Amino acid sequence: MSDALSDDENQDESQEDVMTPAELIARLEEAWLNEKFSPELLENKSEVVECVMEQLTHMEANLQRVKKGDTKASVHRMEIDRIRFVLSSYLRSRLQKIEKFFPHVLEREQSRGEGDPSLLSPEEFAFAKEQQTVAFAVTFPLSVTLNHMHFHVIPVPEPCLDSFVFLRVKEAQENILVEPETDDQREYVVDLEEGSQHLMRYRTIAPLVSSGAVQLI
C-alpha cells in the first residue's frame, strides 16, 4: 500500500515539474530580467536554457510545416526571434559579469556549501577559469614590477551590492530590514505587499531575488 502511495506521489511531483511552453518562456524572461538588472551574477538557470533551446528546435520544425504565404508563419517567426533575443541577452549578460568579476565569481563558487546550487554552469565555469588564466599571465609580471617599485596593484573589481534596483513583489514579505543610507539614520523594517513596486538597495532584497519572491524590473 505504501509503495502504491509512493508511486502516486512521484507521479504527482513529476506532473508538477512539467511546464507549458508559455510557462517556460516566462521563466526565461524572469531569469533574464533578474540577471540584467542585478549587479552580481545570479544562480545559473541551465535547465531553463536547455528546455528553451529544445522548444526553439520544435518551433523551428513546426514553422517548416507552415505553408508559404500563411500569415501564421510571420507571427511564429517573430516569436522565435523574440525568444532567441531574450536567450542570447541572458547568456551574454552572464558572460559579461563573469569576465568582469571572475575572481569574485570563482571565490563564491568554491566557497558555496555542500548541496547549495551552483552559481555557474560547467561551460561558464570553464570560461571563468580561462579568464583567470589569461589575467594571471598578464598581471603577474606587472605585479612583480610594481612591487619592486613599491606601487600597489589596482584592486580587483567586485559587484556593487549597494546599488539601487527596481523590483516588483511576487510574494508578500513582512519585516524586511532596510539598511540606513547614512550613519545618522536608524535601521527600520518594511512590509512588501504582493504586486507592489519599489526602489530598494540590492543588498537588502538579494535573498528575495534568489528565492523568486521578488522580480527585478
N, C-alpha and C. Protein backbone atom coordinates (compact mmCIF):
# COMPACT_ATOMS: atom_id res chain seq x y z
N MET A 1 0.83 -1.21 0.00
CA MET A 1 0.00 0.00 0.00
C MET A 1 0.86 1.25 0.00
N SER A 2 1.90 1.22 0.86
CA SER A 2 2.79 2.38 0.93
C SER A 2 3.54 2.60 -0.36
N ASP A 3 3.90 1.46 -1.04
CA ASP A 3 4.60 1.58 -2.31
C ASP A 3 3.72 2.23 -3.35
N ALA A 4 2.42 1.87 -3.31
CA ALA A 4 1.47 2.45 -4.27
C ALA A 4 1.33 3.94 -4.04
N LEU A 5 1.28 4.32 -2.77
CA LEU A 5 1.18 5.75 -2.45
C LEU A 5 2.43 6.48 -2.91
N SER A 6 3.60 5.85 -2.72
CA SER A 6 4.86 6.49 -3.14
C SER A 6 4.87 6.72 -4.63
N ASP A 7 4.37 5.69 -5.39
CA ASP A 7 4.32 5.84 -6.85
C ASP A 7 3.41 6.99 -7.25
N ASP A 8 2.25 7.08 -6.56
CA ASP A 8 1.32 8.16 -6.87
C ASP A 8 1.94 9.51 -6.57
N GLU A 9 2.67 9.60 -5.44
CA GLU A 9 3.31 10.87 -5.08
C GLU A 9 4.36 11.25 -6.10
N ASN A 10 5.15 10.27 -6.56
CA ASN A 10 6.18 10.55 -7.55
C ASN A 10 5.56 11.05 -8.86
N GLN A 11 4.41 10.43 -9.24
CA GLN A 11 3.74 10.87 -10.45
C GLN A 11 3.23 12.30 -10.31
N ASP A 12 2.69 12.62 -9.11
CA ASP A 12 2.20 13.98 -8.88
C ASP A 12 3.33 14.98 -8.96
N GLU A 13 4.51 14.62 -8.37
CA GLU A 13 5.65 15.53 -8.39
C GLU A 13 6.15 15.73 -9.81
N SER A 14 6.18 14.63 -10.61
CA SER A 14 6.66 14.77 -11.99
C SER A 14 5.72 15.62 -12.81
N GLN A 15 4.40 15.50 -12.54
CA GLN A 15 3.44 16.31 -13.26
C GLN A 15 3.57 17.78 -12.90
N GLU A 16 3.91 18.04 -11.61
CA GLU A 16 4.07 19.43 -11.19
C GLU A 16 5.28 20.06 -11.84
N ASP A 17 6.33 19.23 -12.14
CA ASP A 17 7.56 19.77 -12.72
C ASP A 17 7.40 20.10 -14.20
N VAL A 18 6.39 19.54 -14.85
CA VAL A 18 6.19 19.77 -16.28
C VAL A 18 5.63 21.18 -16.49
N MET A 19 6.29 21.95 -17.35
CA MET A 19 5.85 23.31 -17.64
C MET A 19 5.32 23.39 -19.06
N THR A 20 4.34 24.23 -19.24
CA THR A 20 3.85 24.51 -20.58
C THR A 20 4.88 25.40 -21.28
N PRO A 21 4.87 25.47 -22.62
CA PRO A 21 5.79 26.37 -23.32
C PRO A 21 5.69 27.81 -22.84
N ALA A 22 4.47 28.28 -22.55
CA ALA A 22 4.29 29.65 -22.08
C ALA A 22 4.95 29.84 -20.72
N GLU A 23 4.80 28.85 -19.83
CA GLU A 23 5.43 28.94 -18.51
C GLU A 23 6.95 28.91 -18.62
N LEU A 24 7.45 28.11 -19.54
CA LEU A 24 8.89 28.01 -19.75
C LEU A 24 9.47 29.33 -20.22
N ILE A 25 8.82 29.96 -21.19
CA ILE A 25 9.30 31.25 -21.69
C ILE A 25 9.21 32.32 -20.60
N ALA A 26 8.16 32.25 -19.78
CA ALA A 26 8.02 33.20 -18.66
C ALA A 26 9.18 33.03 -17.68
N ARG A 27 9.59 31.78 -17.44
CA ARG A 27 10.72 31.52 -16.54
C ARG A 27 12.00 32.11 -17.12
N LEU A 28 12.18 31.97 -18.43
CA LEU A 28 13.36 32.53 -19.08
C LEU A 28 13.36 34.04 -18.98
N GLU A 29 12.23 34.68 -19.24
CA GLU A 29 12.15 36.14 -19.19
C GLU A 29 12.42 36.66 -17.78
N GLU A 30 11.93 35.93 -16.78
CA GLU A 30 12.18 36.33 -15.39
C GLU A 30 13.67 36.23 -15.07
N ALA A 31 14.30 35.13 -15.48
CA ALA A 31 15.74 34.97 -15.25
C ALA A 31 16.53 36.04 -15.99
N TRP A 32 16.09 36.38 -17.19
CA TRP A 32 16.76 37.42 -18.00
C TRP A 32 16.71 38.78 -17.32
N LEU A 33 15.52 39.19 -16.87
CA LEU A 33 15.38 40.50 -16.23
C LEU A 33 16.16 40.55 -14.93
N ASN A 34 16.10 39.49 -14.14
CA ASN A 34 16.85 39.46 -12.89
C ASN A 34 18.35 39.58 -13.15
N GLU A 35 18.84 38.84 -14.14
CA GLU A 35 20.27 38.88 -14.46
C GLU A 35 20.66 40.24 -15.03
N LYS A 36 19.77 40.80 -15.83
CA LYS A 36 20.06 42.08 -16.48
C LYS A 36 20.20 43.21 -15.48
N PHE A 37 19.36 43.21 -14.45
CA PHE A 37 19.33 44.33 -13.51
C PHE A 37 20.05 44.05 -12.20
N SER A 38 20.46 42.82 -11.98
CA SER A 38 21.21 42.51 -10.76
C SER A 38 22.67 42.91 -10.94
N PRO A 39 23.26 43.54 -9.93
CA PRO A 39 24.68 43.91 -10.05
C PRO A 39 25.62 42.72 -9.94
N GLU A 40 25.16 41.60 -9.39
CA GLU A 40 26.00 40.42 -9.23
C GLU A 40 25.50 39.28 -10.11
N LEU A 41 26.35 38.29 -10.29
CA LEU A 41 25.97 37.11 -11.05
C LEU A 41 25.04 36.25 -10.21
N LEU A 42 23.92 35.83 -10.78
CA LEU A 42 22.94 35.02 -10.07
C LEU A 42 23.14 33.54 -10.37
N GLU A 43 22.40 32.72 -9.67
CA GLU A 43 22.45 31.27 -9.89
C GLU A 43 22.10 30.96 -11.35
N ASN A 44 22.85 30.06 -11.95
CA ASN A 44 22.59 29.73 -13.35
C ASN A 44 21.26 28.98 -13.49
N LYS A 45 20.60 29.21 -14.62
CA LYS A 45 19.33 28.55 -14.93
C LYS A 45 19.53 27.66 -16.16
N SER A 46 20.51 26.79 -16.07
CA SER A 46 20.88 25.97 -17.23
C SER A 46 19.74 25.04 -17.67
N GLU A 47 18.94 24.56 -16.70
CA GLU A 47 17.82 23.68 -17.07
C GLU A 47 16.80 24.44 -17.92
N VAL A 48 16.53 25.69 -17.53
CA VAL A 48 15.60 26.51 -18.29
C VAL A 48 16.17 26.77 -19.69
N VAL A 49 17.46 27.09 -19.74
CA VAL A 49 18.11 27.37 -21.02
C VAL A 49 18.02 26.16 -21.94
N GLU A 50 18.32 24.97 -21.42
CA GLU A 50 18.28 23.76 -22.24
C GLU A 50 16.86 23.49 -22.74
N CYS A 51 15.87 23.66 -21.86
CA CYS A 51 14.49 23.42 -22.26
C CYS A 51 14.03 24.42 -23.33
N VAL A 52 14.46 25.68 -23.18
CA VAL A 52 14.10 26.71 -24.17
C VAL A 52 14.73 26.39 -25.52
N MET A 53 15.97 25.93 -25.50
CA MET A 53 16.64 25.59 -26.76
C MET A 53 15.92 24.42 -27.45
N GLU A 54 15.47 23.44 -26.66
CA GLU A 54 14.70 22.34 -27.22
C GLU A 54 13.37 22.85 -27.79
N GLN A 55 12.74 23.78 -27.05
CA GLN A 55 11.48 24.34 -27.50
C GLN A 55 11.66 25.10 -28.82
N LEU A 56 12.77 25.83 -28.95
CA LEU A 56 13.05 26.56 -30.17
C LEU A 56 13.23 25.60 -31.35
N THR A 57 13.87 24.46 -31.10
CA THR A 57 14.04 23.45 -32.15
C THR A 57 12.69 22.94 -32.64
N HIS A 58 11.79 22.68 -31.69
CA HIS A 58 10.45 22.23 -32.06
C HIS A 58 9.69 23.31 -32.82
N MET A 59 9.83 24.55 -32.38
CA MET A 59 9.14 25.66 -33.04
C MET A 59 9.65 25.85 -34.46
N GLU A 60 10.97 25.72 -34.65
CA GLU A 60 11.53 25.83 -36.00
C GLU A 60 11.01 24.71 -36.90
N ALA A 61 10.91 23.50 -36.34
CA ALA A 61 10.41 22.37 -37.12
C ALA A 61 8.95 22.58 -37.51
N ASN A 62 8.17 23.10 -36.55
CA ASN A 62 6.75 23.37 -36.85
C ASN A 62 6.60 24.46 -37.89
N LEU A 63 7.51 25.44 -37.84
CA LEU A 63 7.45 26.53 -38.80
C LEU A 63 7.69 26.04 -40.22
N GLN A 64 8.53 25.02 -40.37
CA GLN A 64 8.83 24.48 -41.69
C GLN A 64 7.59 23.83 -42.33
N ARG A 65 6.65 23.42 -41.48
CA ARG A 65 5.45 22.76 -41.99
C ARG A 65 4.34 23.74 -42.34
N VAL A 66 4.52 25.00 -41.99
CA VAL A 66 3.52 26.01 -42.31
C VAL A 66 3.63 26.38 -43.79
N LYS A 67 2.51 26.46 -44.46
CA LYS A 67 2.51 26.78 -45.89
C LYS A 67 3.05 28.18 -46.14
N LYS A 68 3.78 28.34 -47.22
CA LYS A 68 4.32 29.64 -47.58
C LYS A 68 3.18 30.61 -47.85
N GLY A 69 3.32 31.83 -47.39
CA GLY A 69 2.29 32.84 -47.57
C GLY A 69 1.28 32.86 -46.44
N ASP A 70 1.29 31.86 -45.57
CA ASP A 70 0.38 31.82 -44.43
C ASP A 70 0.80 32.89 -43.43
N THR A 71 -0.15 33.71 -43.01
CA THR A 71 0.17 34.81 -42.07
C THR A 71 0.69 34.28 -40.74
N LYS A 72 0.35 33.02 -40.42
CA LYS A 72 0.84 32.45 -39.16
C LYS A 72 2.36 32.32 -39.17
N ALA A 73 2.94 32.15 -40.36
CA ALA A 73 4.38 31.95 -40.46
C ALA A 73 5.14 33.16 -39.93
N SER A 74 4.70 34.36 -40.34
CA SER A 74 5.39 35.57 -39.89
C SER A 74 5.24 35.78 -38.40
N VAL A 75 4.07 35.44 -37.86
CA VAL A 75 3.85 35.57 -36.42
C VAL A 75 4.75 34.61 -35.65
N HIS A 76 4.82 33.35 -36.12
CA HIS A 76 5.68 32.36 -35.46
C HIS A 76 7.14 32.77 -35.55
N ARG A 77 7.55 33.30 -36.71
CA ARG A 77 8.94 33.72 -36.89
C ARG A 77 9.29 34.85 -35.93
N MET A 78 8.40 35.80 -35.76
CA MET A 78 8.64 36.91 -34.83
C MET A 78 8.78 36.40 -33.40
N GLU A 79 7.96 35.43 -33.02
CA GLU A 79 8.03 34.88 -31.67
C GLU A 79 9.34 34.12 -31.46
N ILE A 80 9.75 33.35 -32.45
CA ILE A 80 11.03 32.64 -32.36
C ILE A 80 12.18 33.61 -32.22
N ASP A 81 12.17 34.67 -33.04
CA ASP A 81 13.24 35.67 -32.98
C ASP A 81 13.25 36.37 -31.62
N ARG A 82 12.07 36.63 -31.07
CA ARG A 82 11.99 37.29 -29.76
C ARG A 82 12.59 36.41 -28.67
N ILE A 83 12.25 35.13 -28.70
CA ILE A 83 12.76 34.21 -27.69
C ILE A 83 14.28 34.07 -27.83
N ARG A 84 14.77 33.99 -29.07
CA ARG A 84 16.21 33.90 -29.29
C ARG A 84 16.93 35.14 -28.76
N PHE A 85 16.32 36.31 -28.94
CA PHE A 85 16.92 37.54 -28.43
C PHE A 85 17.03 37.51 -26.91
N VAL A 86 15.95 37.10 -26.25
CA VAL A 86 15.95 37.04 -24.78
C VAL A 86 17.00 36.04 -24.30
N LEU A 87 17.05 34.88 -24.93
CA LEU A 87 18.01 33.85 -24.54
C LEU A 87 19.44 34.34 -24.73
N SER A 88 19.71 34.95 -25.88
CA SER A 88 21.07 35.44 -26.17
C SER A 88 21.46 36.55 -25.20
N SER A 89 20.53 37.45 -24.91
CA SER A 89 20.80 38.55 -23.99
C SER A 89 21.08 38.03 -22.58
N TYR A 90 20.32 37.02 -22.17
CA TYR A 90 20.53 36.43 -20.85
C TYR A 90 21.93 35.83 -20.74
N LEU A 91 22.31 35.03 -21.72
CA LEU A 91 23.62 34.38 -21.68
C LEU A 91 24.75 35.40 -21.80
N ARG A 92 24.54 36.42 -22.64
CA ARG A 92 25.56 37.45 -22.80
C ARG A 92 25.76 38.25 -21.52
N SER A 93 24.68 38.56 -20.82
CA SER A 93 24.78 39.29 -19.55
C SER A 93 25.59 38.50 -18.54
N ARG A 94 25.39 37.21 -18.49
CA ARG A 94 26.13 36.37 -17.55
C ARG A 94 27.61 36.32 -17.91
N LEU A 95 27.92 36.15 -19.18
CA LEU A 95 29.32 36.09 -19.60
C LEU A 95 30.04 37.41 -19.33
N GLN A 96 29.35 38.52 -19.51
CA GLN A 96 29.96 39.82 -19.25
C GLN A 96 30.30 39.98 -17.76
N LYS A 97 29.41 39.50 -16.90
CA LYS A 97 29.68 39.57 -15.46
C LYS A 97 30.82 38.64 -15.07
N ILE A 98 30.83 37.45 -15.65
CA ILE A 98 31.91 36.50 -15.34
C ILE A 98 33.25 37.07 -15.77
N GLU A 99 33.28 37.67 -16.95
CA GLU A 99 34.53 38.26 -17.46
C GLU A 99 35.00 39.41 -16.57
N LYS A 100 34.07 40.19 -16.06
CA LYS A 100 34.43 41.36 -15.26
C LYS A 100 34.76 41.00 -13.81
N PHE A 101 34.01 40.04 -13.25
CA PHE A 101 34.14 39.73 -11.82
C PHE A 101 34.62 38.30 -11.58
N PHE A 102 35.40 37.72 -12.49
CA PHE A 102 35.73 36.30 -12.38
C PHE A 102 36.41 35.92 -11.05
N PRO A 103 37.29 36.75 -10.44
CA PRO A 103 37.85 36.34 -9.14
C PRO A 103 36.77 36.20 -8.07
N HIS A 104 35.85 37.17 -8.05
CA HIS A 104 34.75 37.15 -7.09
C HIS A 104 33.82 35.97 -7.36
N VAL A 105 33.53 35.72 -8.63
CA VAL A 105 32.63 34.64 -9.02
C VAL A 105 33.22 33.28 -8.64
N LEU A 106 34.51 33.08 -8.93
CA LEU A 106 35.15 31.80 -8.62
C LEU A 106 35.26 31.59 -7.12
N GLU A 107 35.50 32.66 -6.40
CA GLU A 107 35.57 32.55 -4.94
C GLU A 107 34.23 32.12 -4.35
N ARG A 108 33.15 32.73 -4.85
CA ARG A 108 31.81 32.35 -4.38
C ARG A 108 31.51 30.91 -4.74
N GLU A 109 31.90 30.50 -5.93
CA GLU A 109 31.63 29.14 -6.37
C GLU A 109 32.37 28.11 -5.51
N GLN A 110 33.61 28.42 -5.18
CA GLN A 110 34.41 27.49 -4.40
C GLN A 110 34.02 27.45 -2.93
N SER A 111 33.42 28.53 -2.44
CA SER A 111 33.07 28.60 -1.02
C SER A 111 31.63 28.20 -0.73
N ARG A 112 30.86 27.87 -1.77
CA ARG A 112 29.46 27.51 -1.54
C ARG A 112 29.37 26.21 -0.76
N GLY A 113 28.33 26.11 0.05
CA GLY A 113 28.15 24.94 0.88
C GLY A 113 27.71 23.72 0.09
N GLU A 114 27.94 22.54 0.67
CA GLU A 114 27.54 21.31 0.01
C GLU A 114 26.01 21.27 -0.11
N GLY A 115 25.52 21.00 -1.28
CA GLY A 115 24.09 20.98 -1.51
C GLY A 115 23.53 22.29 -2.02
N ASP A 116 24.31 23.39 -1.91
CA ASP A 116 23.87 24.67 -2.44
C ASP A 116 23.93 24.65 -3.97
N PRO A 117 22.99 25.32 -4.63
CA PRO A 117 23.01 25.32 -6.10
C PRO A 117 24.27 25.98 -6.65
N SER A 118 24.73 25.49 -7.77
CA SER A 118 25.94 26.03 -8.38
C SER A 118 25.66 27.38 -9.02
N LEU A 119 26.59 28.28 -8.87
CA LEU A 119 26.45 29.61 -9.48
C LEU A 119 26.69 29.55 -10.98
N LEU A 120 27.55 28.63 -11.40
CA LEU A 120 27.97 28.56 -12.80
C LEU A 120 27.58 27.23 -13.43
N SER A 121 27.29 27.30 -14.72
CA SER A 121 27.14 26.07 -15.48
C SER A 121 28.55 25.54 -15.78
N PRO A 122 28.70 24.29 -16.16
CA PRO A 122 30.04 23.77 -16.49
C PRO A 122 30.76 24.62 -17.54
N GLU A 123 30.02 25.07 -18.55
CA GLU A 123 30.63 25.91 -19.59
C GLU A 123 31.07 27.26 -19.02
N GLU A 124 30.26 27.83 -18.15
CA GLU A 124 30.60 29.12 -17.55
C GLU A 124 31.79 28.98 -16.61
N PHE A 125 31.86 27.86 -15.90
CA PHE A 125 33.00 27.64 -15.00
C PHE A 125 34.29 27.56 -15.81
N ALA A 126 34.25 26.85 -16.94
CA ALA A 126 35.42 26.76 -17.81
C ALA A 126 35.81 28.13 -18.33
N PHE A 127 34.82 28.95 -18.68
CA PHE A 127 35.09 30.31 -19.17
C PHE A 127 35.73 31.15 -18.07
N ALA A 128 35.23 31.04 -16.84
CA ALA A 128 35.79 31.80 -15.72
C ALA A 128 37.24 31.39 -15.45
N LYS A 129 37.52 30.09 -15.50
CA LYS A 129 38.89 29.62 -15.28
C LYS A 129 39.82 30.10 -16.40
N GLU A 130 39.27 30.16 -17.62
CA GLU A 130 40.06 30.66 -18.74
C GLU A 130 40.40 32.14 -18.53
N GLN A 131 39.42 32.92 -18.06
CA GLN A 131 39.67 34.33 -17.77
C GLN A 131 40.72 34.47 -16.68
N GLN A 132 40.68 33.61 -15.70
CA GLN A 132 41.64 33.64 -14.61
C GLN A 132 43.05 33.37 -15.12
N THR A 133 43.17 32.39 -16.00
CA THR A 133 44.47 32.03 -16.55
C THR A 133 45.05 33.17 -17.38
N VAL A 134 44.21 33.76 -18.23
CA VAL A 134 44.66 34.88 -19.07
C VAL A 134 45.07 36.07 -18.20
N ALA A 135 44.26 36.39 -17.20
CA ALA A 135 44.55 37.53 -16.34
C ALA A 135 45.85 37.32 -15.57
N PHE A 136 46.08 36.11 -15.10
CA PHE A 136 47.31 35.83 -14.36
C PHE A 136 48.54 36.00 -15.24
N ALA A 137 48.43 35.53 -16.49
CA ALA A 137 49.56 35.65 -17.41
C ALA A 137 49.89 37.10 -17.71
N VAL A 138 48.87 37.97 -17.69
CA VAL A 138 49.07 39.39 -18.00
C VAL A 138 49.49 40.17 -16.77
N THR A 139 48.84 39.91 -15.63
CA THR A 139 49.05 40.77 -14.46
C THR A 139 50.21 40.33 -13.58
N PHE A 140 50.61 39.06 -13.62
CA PHE A 140 51.68 38.62 -12.72
C PHE A 140 53.00 39.34 -12.98
N PRO A 141 53.47 39.42 -14.24
CA PRO A 141 54.72 40.17 -14.46
C PRO A 141 54.57 41.64 -14.05
N LEU A 142 53.40 42.22 -14.30
CA LEU A 142 53.18 43.62 -13.93
C LEU A 142 53.20 43.80 -12.42
N SER A 143 52.58 42.87 -11.69
CA SER A 143 52.53 42.99 -10.23
C SER A 143 53.92 42.87 -9.62
N VAL A 144 54.77 42.01 -10.20
CA VAL A 144 56.14 41.87 -9.71
C VAL A 144 56.90 43.18 -9.90
N THR A 145 56.73 43.79 -11.08
CA THR A 145 57.40 45.06 -11.37
C THR A 145 56.92 46.15 -10.42
N LEU A 146 55.62 46.23 -10.20
CA LEU A 146 55.06 47.26 -9.32
C LEU A 146 55.51 47.07 -7.88
N ASN A 147 55.65 45.82 -7.46
CA ASN A 147 56.12 45.57 -6.10
C ASN A 147 57.55 46.06 -5.92
N HIS A 148 58.36 45.86 -6.92
CA HIS A 148 59.74 46.34 -6.85
C HIS A 148 59.78 47.87 -6.82
N MET A 149 58.79 48.49 -7.44
CA MET A 149 58.73 49.95 -7.47
C MET A 149 57.91 50.51 -6.31
N HIS A 150 57.46 49.60 -5.43
CA HIS A 150 56.68 49.99 -4.24
C HIS A 150 55.33 50.62 -4.60
N PHE A 151 54.76 50.15 -5.70
CA PHE A 151 53.40 50.55 -6.06
C PHE A 151 52.44 49.41 -5.68
N HIS A 152 51.19 49.78 -5.46
CA HIS A 152 50.19 48.78 -5.14
C HIS A 152 49.39 48.44 -6.39
N VAL A 153 49.07 47.17 -6.54
CA VAL A 153 48.26 46.73 -7.67
C VAL A 153 46.82 47.21 -7.48
N ILE A 154 46.20 47.63 -8.57
CA ILE A 154 44.79 48.07 -8.53
C ILE A 154 43.92 46.91 -8.06
N PRO A 155 43.03 47.14 -7.08
CA PRO A 155 42.19 46.06 -6.56
C PRO A 155 41.27 45.48 -7.63
N VAL A 156 40.95 44.21 -7.47
CA VAL A 156 40.06 43.51 -8.42
C VAL A 156 38.63 44.03 -8.23
N PRO A 157 37.94 44.36 -9.34
CA PRO A 157 36.57 44.88 -9.22
C PRO A 157 35.61 43.84 -8.68
N GLU A 158 34.67 44.30 -7.87
CA GLU A 158 33.61 43.45 -7.34
C GLU A 158 32.26 44.11 -7.61
N PRO A 159 31.21 43.33 -7.71
CA PRO A 159 29.88 43.91 -7.95
C PRO A 159 29.46 44.81 -6.79
N CYS A 160 28.79 45.91 -7.13
CA CYS A 160 28.33 46.86 -6.12
C CYS A 160 26.95 46.43 -5.62
N LEU A 161 26.93 45.76 -4.49
CA LEU A 161 25.67 45.26 -3.93
C LEU A 161 24.84 46.36 -3.30
N ASP A 162 25.42 47.54 -3.14
CA ASP A 162 24.68 48.65 -2.54
C ASP A 162 23.97 49.51 -3.58
N SER A 163 24.05 49.12 -4.85
CA SER A 163 23.32 49.86 -5.88
C SER A 163 21.82 49.63 -5.72
N PHE A 164 21.03 50.58 -6.22
CA PHE A 164 19.57 50.51 -6.08
C PHE A 164 18.95 49.87 -7.32
N VAL A 165 17.91 49.09 -7.10
CA VAL A 165 17.22 48.39 -8.18
C VAL A 165 15.71 48.55 -8.02
N PHE A 166 15.01 48.50 -9.16
CA PHE A 166 13.54 48.48 -9.15
C PHE A 166 13.09 47.02 -9.04
N LEU A 167 12.02 46.80 -8.31
CA LEU A 167 11.52 45.44 -8.15
C LEU A 167 10.01 45.41 -8.05
N ARG A 168 9.44 44.27 -8.41
CA ARG A 168 8.02 44.01 -8.23
C ARG A 168 7.88 42.82 -7.31
N VAL A 169 7.00 42.92 -6.33
CA VAL A 169 6.84 41.87 -5.32
C VAL A 169 5.89 40.79 -5.86
N LYS A 170 6.37 39.56 -5.90
CA LYS A 170 5.55 38.43 -6.35
C LYS A 170 4.89 37.73 -5.17
N GLU A 171 5.58 37.71 -4.03
CA GLU A 171 5.05 37.09 -2.82
C GLU A 171 5.21 38.09 -1.67
N ALA A 172 4.13 38.34 -0.95
CA ALA A 172 4.16 39.31 0.14
C ALA A 172 5.25 38.96 1.16
N GLN A 173 5.95 39.98 1.63
CA GLN A 173 7.03 39.80 2.60
C GLN A 173 6.82 40.76 3.77
N GLU A 174 7.11 40.30 4.97
CA GLU A 174 6.97 41.12 6.17
C GLU A 174 8.31 41.32 6.86
N ASN A 175 8.44 42.48 7.49
CA ASN A 175 9.60 42.79 8.32
C ASN A 175 10.93 42.64 7.57
N ILE A 176 11.00 43.28 6.40
CA ILE A 176 12.25 43.30 5.64
C ILE A 176 13.13 44.41 6.21
N LEU A 177 14.30 44.03 6.69
CA LEU A 177 15.19 45.00 7.31
C LEU A 177 15.86 45.86 6.25
N VAL A 178 15.68 47.16 6.33
CA VAL A 178 16.27 48.11 5.39
C VAL A 178 17.45 48.79 6.05
N GLU A 179 18.60 48.70 5.40
CA GLU A 179 19.81 49.30 5.96
C GLU A 179 19.79 50.81 5.76
N PRO A 180 20.32 51.57 6.73
CA PRO A 180 20.35 53.03 6.59
C PRO A 180 21.34 53.47 5.53
N GLU A 181 21.02 54.60 4.88
CA GLU A 181 21.91 55.13 3.86
C GLU A 181 23.08 55.88 4.49
N THR A 182 22.89 56.44 5.67
CA THR A 182 23.94 57.16 6.37
C THR A 182 24.01 56.68 7.82
N ASP A 183 25.09 57.02 8.49
CA ASP A 183 25.27 56.62 9.89
C ASP A 183 24.28 57.30 10.81
N ASP A 184 23.71 58.43 10.37
CA ASP A 184 22.77 59.17 11.22
C ASP A 184 21.39 58.53 11.25
N GLN A 185 21.11 57.64 10.30
CA GLN A 185 19.80 57.03 10.22
C GLN A 185 19.78 55.69 10.93
N ARG A 186 18.63 55.30 11.41
CA ARG A 186 18.45 54.02 12.07
C ARG A 186 17.91 52.99 11.09
N GLU A 187 18.20 51.74 11.39
CA GLU A 187 17.62 50.66 10.59
C GLU A 187 16.12 50.59 10.84
N TYR A 188 15.38 50.20 9.82
CA TYR A 188 13.94 50.05 10.00
C TYR A 188 13.45 48.91 9.12
N VAL A 189 12.25 48.44 9.39
CA VAL A 189 11.70 47.31 8.64
C VAL A 189 10.49 47.78 7.83
N VAL A 190 10.26 47.11 6.71
CA VAL A 190 9.13 47.44 5.85
C VAL A 190 8.42 46.14 5.47
N ASP A 191 7.15 46.25 5.15
CA ASP A 191 6.37 45.13 4.62
C ASP A 191 6.20 45.35 3.12
N LEU A 192 6.39 44.31 2.36
CA LEU A 192 6.25 44.39 0.90
C LEU A 192 4.99 43.66 0.49
N GLU A 193 4.02 44.40 -0.03
CA GLU A 193 2.75 43.80 -0.45
C GLU A 193 2.88 43.19 -1.84
N GLU A 194 2.17 42.09 -2.05
CA GLU A 194 2.18 41.43 -3.34
C GLU A 194 1.70 42.37 -4.44
N GLY A 195 2.47 42.43 -5.52
CA GLY A 195 2.12 43.29 -6.65
C GLY A 195 2.67 44.70 -6.56
N SER A 196 3.18 45.08 -5.39
CA SER A 196 3.72 46.44 -5.23
C SER A 196 5.10 46.54 -5.88
N GLN A 197 5.49 47.77 -6.22
CA GLN A 197 6.78 48.02 -6.84
C GLN A 197 7.59 48.97 -5.97
N HIS A 198 8.90 48.75 -5.93
CA HIS A 198 9.75 49.53 -5.03
C HIS A 198 11.10 49.79 -5.68
N LEU A 199 11.78 50.81 -5.15
CA LEU A 199 13.19 51.08 -5.46
C LEU A 199 13.95 50.85 -4.17
N MET A 200 14.79 49.82 -4.15
CA MET A 200 15.48 49.47 -2.92
C MET A 200 16.93 49.10 -3.20
N ARG A 201 17.73 49.12 -2.13
CA ARG A 201 19.12 48.70 -2.24
C ARG A 201 19.17 47.20 -2.54
N TYR A 202 19.98 46.82 -3.51
CA TYR A 202 20.01 45.42 -3.92
C TYR A 202 20.39 44.48 -2.77
N ARG A 203 21.35 44.89 -1.97
CA ARG A 203 21.81 44.03 -0.88
C ARG A 203 20.64 43.61 0.03
N THR A 204 19.68 44.53 0.19
CA THR A 204 18.55 44.27 1.08
C THR A 204 17.66 43.15 0.58
N ILE A 205 17.46 43.10 -0.72
CA ILE A 205 16.48 42.15 -1.27
C ILE A 205 17.14 41.03 -2.08
N ALA A 206 18.46 40.92 -2.04
CA ALA A 206 19.15 39.87 -2.79
C ALA A 206 18.62 38.47 -2.49
N PRO A 207 18.39 38.13 -1.21
CA PRO A 207 17.84 36.78 -0.93
C PRO A 207 16.46 36.58 -1.53
N LEU A 208 15.66 37.65 -1.63
CA LEU A 208 14.32 37.54 -2.18
C LEU A 208 14.36 37.34 -3.69
N VAL A 209 15.39 37.88 -4.34
CA VAL A 209 15.57 37.63 -5.78
C VAL A 209 15.91 36.17 -6.00
N SER A 210 16.80 35.63 -5.17
CA SER A 210 17.20 34.23 -5.31
C SER A 210 16.04 33.28 -5.07
N SER A 211 15.18 33.62 -4.12
CA SER A 211 14.06 32.74 -3.79
C SER A 211 12.89 32.89 -4.76
N GLY A 212 12.91 33.96 -5.56
CA GLY A 212 11.82 34.19 -6.51
C GLY A 212 10.67 34.98 -5.92
N ALA A 213 10.85 35.51 -4.71
CA ALA A 213 9.78 36.28 -4.06
C ALA A 213 9.59 37.65 -4.70
N VAL A 214 10.67 38.19 -5.30
CA VAL A 214 10.57 39.47 -5.99
C VAL A 214 11.18 39.33 -7.38
N GLN A 215 10.78 40.20 -8.27
CA GLN A 215 11.26 40.22 -9.65
C GLN A 215 11.88 41.57 -9.94
N LEU A 216 13.11 41.60 -10.40
CA LEU A 216 13.73 42.87 -10.79
C LEU A 216 13.12 43.33 -12.11
N ILE A 217 12.92 44.64 -12.23
CA ILE A 217 12.28 45.20 -13.42
C ILE A 217 13.04 46.44 -13.89
